Protein backbone atom coordinates (compact mmCIF):
# COMPACT_ATOMS: atom_id res chain seq x y z
CA UNK A 1 6.43 8.20 -38.24
CA UNK A 2 4.41 5.15 -36.69
CA UNK A 3 5.99 5.32 -32.96
CA UNK A 4 5.76 9.15 -31.71
CA UNK A 5 6.75 8.41 -28.05
CA UNK A 6 9.48 9.97 -29.52
CA UNK A 7 8.21 13.21 -30.89
CA UNK A 8 7.70 16.43 -30.17
CA UNK A 9 6.11 19.15 -32.26
CA UNK A 10 6.50 23.17 -31.96
CA UNK A 11 4.74 25.63 -34.37
CA UNK A 12 7.17 28.68 -33.56
CA UNK A 13 5.06 30.96 -36.37
CA UNK A 14 2.11 30.29 -34.24
CA UNK A 15 3.76 31.18 -31.00
CA UNK A 16 5.20 34.02 -31.96
CA UNK A 17 1.16 35.35 -33.68
CA UNK A 18 -1.02 34.16 -31.22
CA UNK A 19 0.78 32.88 -28.30
CA UNK A 20 -0.46 30.29 -26.36
CA UNK A 21 -4.00 30.49 -23.74
CA UNK A 22 -6.26 28.16 -22.85
CA UNK A 23 -8.42 29.65 -25.29
CA UNK A 24 -6.41 28.80 -28.69
CA UNK A 25 -4.23 25.61 -27.53
CA UNK A 26 -6.13 23.30 -29.77
CA UNK A 27 -6.32 25.60 -32.72
CA UNK A 28 -2.30 25.07 -31.46
CA UNK A 29 -2.57 21.41 -31.38
CA UNK A 30 -4.62 21.43 -34.76
CA UNK A 31 -1.55 22.45 -36.55
CA UNK A 32 0.44 19.24 -34.86
CA UNK A 33 1.16 15.44 -36.69
CA UNK A 34 -0.25 14.20 -33.50
CA UNK A 35 -3.50 15.57 -34.47
CA UNK A 36 -3.46 14.27 -37.85
CA UNK A 37 -2.02 10.44 -36.45
CA UNK A 38 -4.77 10.35 -34.01
CA UNK A 39 -7.85 10.54 -36.23
CA UNK A 40 -7.96 14.45 -36.50
CA UNK A 41 -9.48 14.53 -40.38
CA UNK A 42 -12.41 12.73 -38.49
CA UNK A 43 -12.93 13.46 -35.51
CA UNK A 44 -15.50 16.05 -34.00
CA UNK A 45 -13.34 18.69 -33.47
CA UNK A 46 -13.01 18.76 -37.21
CA UNK A 47 -16.53 18.47 -38.08
CA UNK A 48 -17.57 21.02 -35.90
CA UNK A 49 -14.94 23.61 -37.96
CA UNK A 50 -16.19 22.57 -41.40
CA UNK A 51 -19.96 22.73 -40.41
CA UNK A 52 -20.49 19.34 -40.84
CA UNK A 53 -23.24 17.13 -39.17
CA UNK A 54 -21.49 15.31 -36.01
CA UNK A 55 -20.80 11.79 -35.93
CA UNK A 56 -21.72 11.09 -32.24
CA UNK A 57 -19.13 7.98 -32.39
CA UNK A 58 -16.49 10.35 -33.42
CA UNK A 59 -13.13 11.36 -30.88
CA UNK A 60 -12.83 14.57 -30.15
CA UNK A 61 -9.78 16.38 -28.61
CA UNK A 62 -10.19 18.19 -25.65
CA UNK A 63 -8.69 20.32 -23.10
CA UNK A 64 -7.98 18.32 -19.66
CA UNK A 65 -6.14 20.79 -17.72
CA UNK A 66 -3.80 23.60 -17.77
CA UNK A 67 -1.48 24.97 -14.86
CA UNK A 68 -1.84 28.87 -13.50
CA UNK A 69 0.78 29.98 -16.25
CA UNK A 70 -0.91 28.77 -18.97
CA UNK A 71 -4.38 30.02 -17.75
CA UNK A 72 -2.18 33.52 -17.48
CA UNK A 73 -1.08 33.01 -20.86
CA UNK A 74 2.83 32.38 -19.84
CA UNK A 75 3.71 30.14 -22.90
CA UNK A 76 7.54 29.66 -21.18
CA UNK A 77 5.99 28.43 -18.34
CA UNK A 78 2.57 26.51 -19.41
CA UNK A 79 1.41 23.41 -19.20
CA UNK A 80 -1.92 22.18 -20.51
CA UNK A 81 -2.69 18.53 -20.85
CA UNK A 82 -4.91 17.56 -23.85
CA UNK A 83 -7.05 14.54 -24.35
CA UNK A 84 -8.58 12.51 -27.33
CA UNK A 85 -11.31 10.45 -26.49
CA UNK A 86 -14.62 8.79 -27.43
CA UNK A 87 -17.18 6.65 -25.06
CA UNK A 88 -13.71 5.94 -23.42
CA UNK A 89 -10.60 8.02 -23.05
CA UNK A 90 -7.58 7.43 -25.27
CA UNK A 91 -4.34 9.38 -25.77
CA UNK A 92 -3.18 12.12 -24.02
CA UNK A 93 -0.83 14.89 -24.91
CA UNK A 94 1.23 17.15 -22.81
CA UNK A 95 1.89 20.93 -24.38
CA UNK A 96 5.10 22.20 -22.15
CA UNK A 97 6.51 25.26 -22.76
CA UNK A 98 5.04 25.69 -26.74
CA UNK A 99 6.33 22.15 -27.36
CA UNK A 100 3.94 19.09 -27.79
CA UNK A 101 4.12 15.58 -26.66
CA UNK A 102 2.15 11.81 -26.63
CA UNK A 103 1.90 10.66 -23.05
CA UNK A 104 3.07 7.44 -22.45
CA UNK A 105 0.29 4.98 -22.16
CA UNK A 106 0.19 2.83 -18.27
CA UNK A 107 0.74 -0.30 -19.53
CA UNK A 108 4.41 1.33 -21.17
CA UNK A 109 4.83 3.00 -17.67
CA UNK A 110 3.51 -0.01 -15.55
CA UNK A 111 6.38 -2.22 -17.41
CA UNK A 112 9.24 0.09 -17.32
CA UNK A 113 8.39 0.44 -13.48
CA UNK A 114 8.68 -3.78 -13.23
CA UNK A 115 11.77 -3.45 -15.32
CA UNK A 116 13.16 -1.30 -13.29
CA UNK A 117 12.04 -3.26 -9.76
CA UNK A 118 12.84 -6.88 -11.30
CA UNK A 119 17.01 -4.81 -12.22
CA UNK A 120 17.31 -3.89 -8.95
CA UNK A 121 16.01 -6.85 -7.06
CA UNK A 122 18.41 -8.70 -9.15
CA UNK A 123 21.03 -6.50 -7.63
CA UNK A 124 20.11 -6.35 -4.10
CA UNK A 125 20.50 -10.68 -4.91
CA UNK A 126 23.97 -10.46 -6.61
CA UNK A 127 25.61 -7.71 -3.61
CA UNK A 128 23.64 -10.36 -1.18
CA UNK A 129 25.38 -13.19 -2.99
CA UNK A 130 29.10 -11.44 -3.33
CA UNK A 131 28.31 -10.80 0.74
CA UNK A 132 27.75 -14.32 1.56
CA UNK A 133 30.83 -15.51 -0.24
CA UNK A 134 33.00 -12.96 1.34
CA UNK A 135 32.76 -14.30 4.58
CA UNK A 136 34.81 -17.12 5.39
CA UNK A 137 33.77 -20.14 7.57
CA UNK A 138 34.97 -20.65 10.86
CA UNK A 139 37.13 -23.98 11.41
CA UNK A 140 35.70 -26.45 13.83
CA UNK A 141 38.21 -27.30 16.12
CA UNK A 142 38.95 -30.78 17.86
CA UNK A 143 36.83 -30.38 20.49
CA UNK A 144 33.96 -30.03 18.80
CA UNK A 145 33.02 -26.27 19.51
CA UNK A 146 33.04 -23.44 16.85
CA UNK A 147 35.77 -20.98 17.01
CA UNK A 148 35.01 -17.41 15.99
CA UNK A 149 37.57 -15.20 14.61
CA UNK A 150 36.65 -12.20 12.65
CA UNK A 151 37.68 -12.77 9.00
CA UNK A 152 37.55 -9.45 7.84
CA UNK A 153 35.73 -9.08 4.75
CA UNK A 154 35.22 -6.19 2.17
CA UNK A 155 32.62 -3.86 3.16
CA UNK A 156 29.43 -4.30 0.93
CA UNK A 157 28.29 -0.99 -0.59
CA UNK A 158 24.95 -2.00 -0.05
CA UNK A 159 22.78 -1.57 3.49
CA UNK A 160 23.05 -4.20 5.92
CA UNK A 161 19.51 -4.92 5.83
CA UNK A 162 19.85 -5.95 1.98
CA UNK A 163 22.19 -8.27 3.70
CA UNK A 164 19.70 -9.94 5.81
CA UNK A 165 22.40 -9.06 8.48
CA UNK A 166 19.69 -6.41 10.17
CA UNK A 167 16.44 -6.30 10.32
CA UNK A 168 14.67 -3.38 7.11
CA UNK A 169 14.04 0.33 8.35
CA UNK A 170 11.86 1.46 10.74
CA UNK A 171 8.74 1.65 9.02
CA UNK A 172 9.11 -1.99 7.65
CA UNK A 173 9.21 -3.24 11.53
CA UNK A 174 6.54 -0.34 12.63
CA UNK A 175 4.36 -2.21 10.22
CA UNK A 176 5.76 -5.52 11.30
CA UNK A 177 4.89 -5.28 15.36
CA UNK A 178 1.27 -3.43 14.18
CA UNK A 179 0.46 -6.66 12.23
CA UNK A 180 1.81 -8.99 14.86
CA UNK A 181 -0.58 -6.87 17.38
CA UNK A 182 -3.58 -7.85 15.05
CA UNK A 183 -2.87 -11.46 14.77
CA UNK A 184 -4.49 -13.39 17.26
CA UNK A 185 -2.49 -16.31 19.34
């Protein structure tokens, strides 16, 4: 169970017997494999439960947030956020409708967003290249003037601004105009 990013946990017996509220959500979390995997046996929570002397360097699991339904004890629409922390915050966990999940790390989120952006940029560039290849070069007549007989390229599926045929969306144009107004000439 090394990769807990794709694991969820539900203790139906606990939920049927106790429900789920802000008062017992940590007890519910303590029954999960997440608690054990992330140092629950040596945590401040466990030291307190056993009446032991508290180690100031031990981590602690705390309830960070709960939605209104969680505060009112409605399991089916409840959302809780639990965090493991010591001197700095560590892992975060979600309890959504009684199911416990490990929240992704910020580095994972950023990596995923950057990957999506790169894939999107590659797609835009590919479409631009396709559109440029579809356009025919005009013929040069003997007088040296260009004739402009319109060729009929197939319609690209991307907006024209992605193909460098028009300016960007209005919000971009407005930002561009504001920036130009600030630059002294």
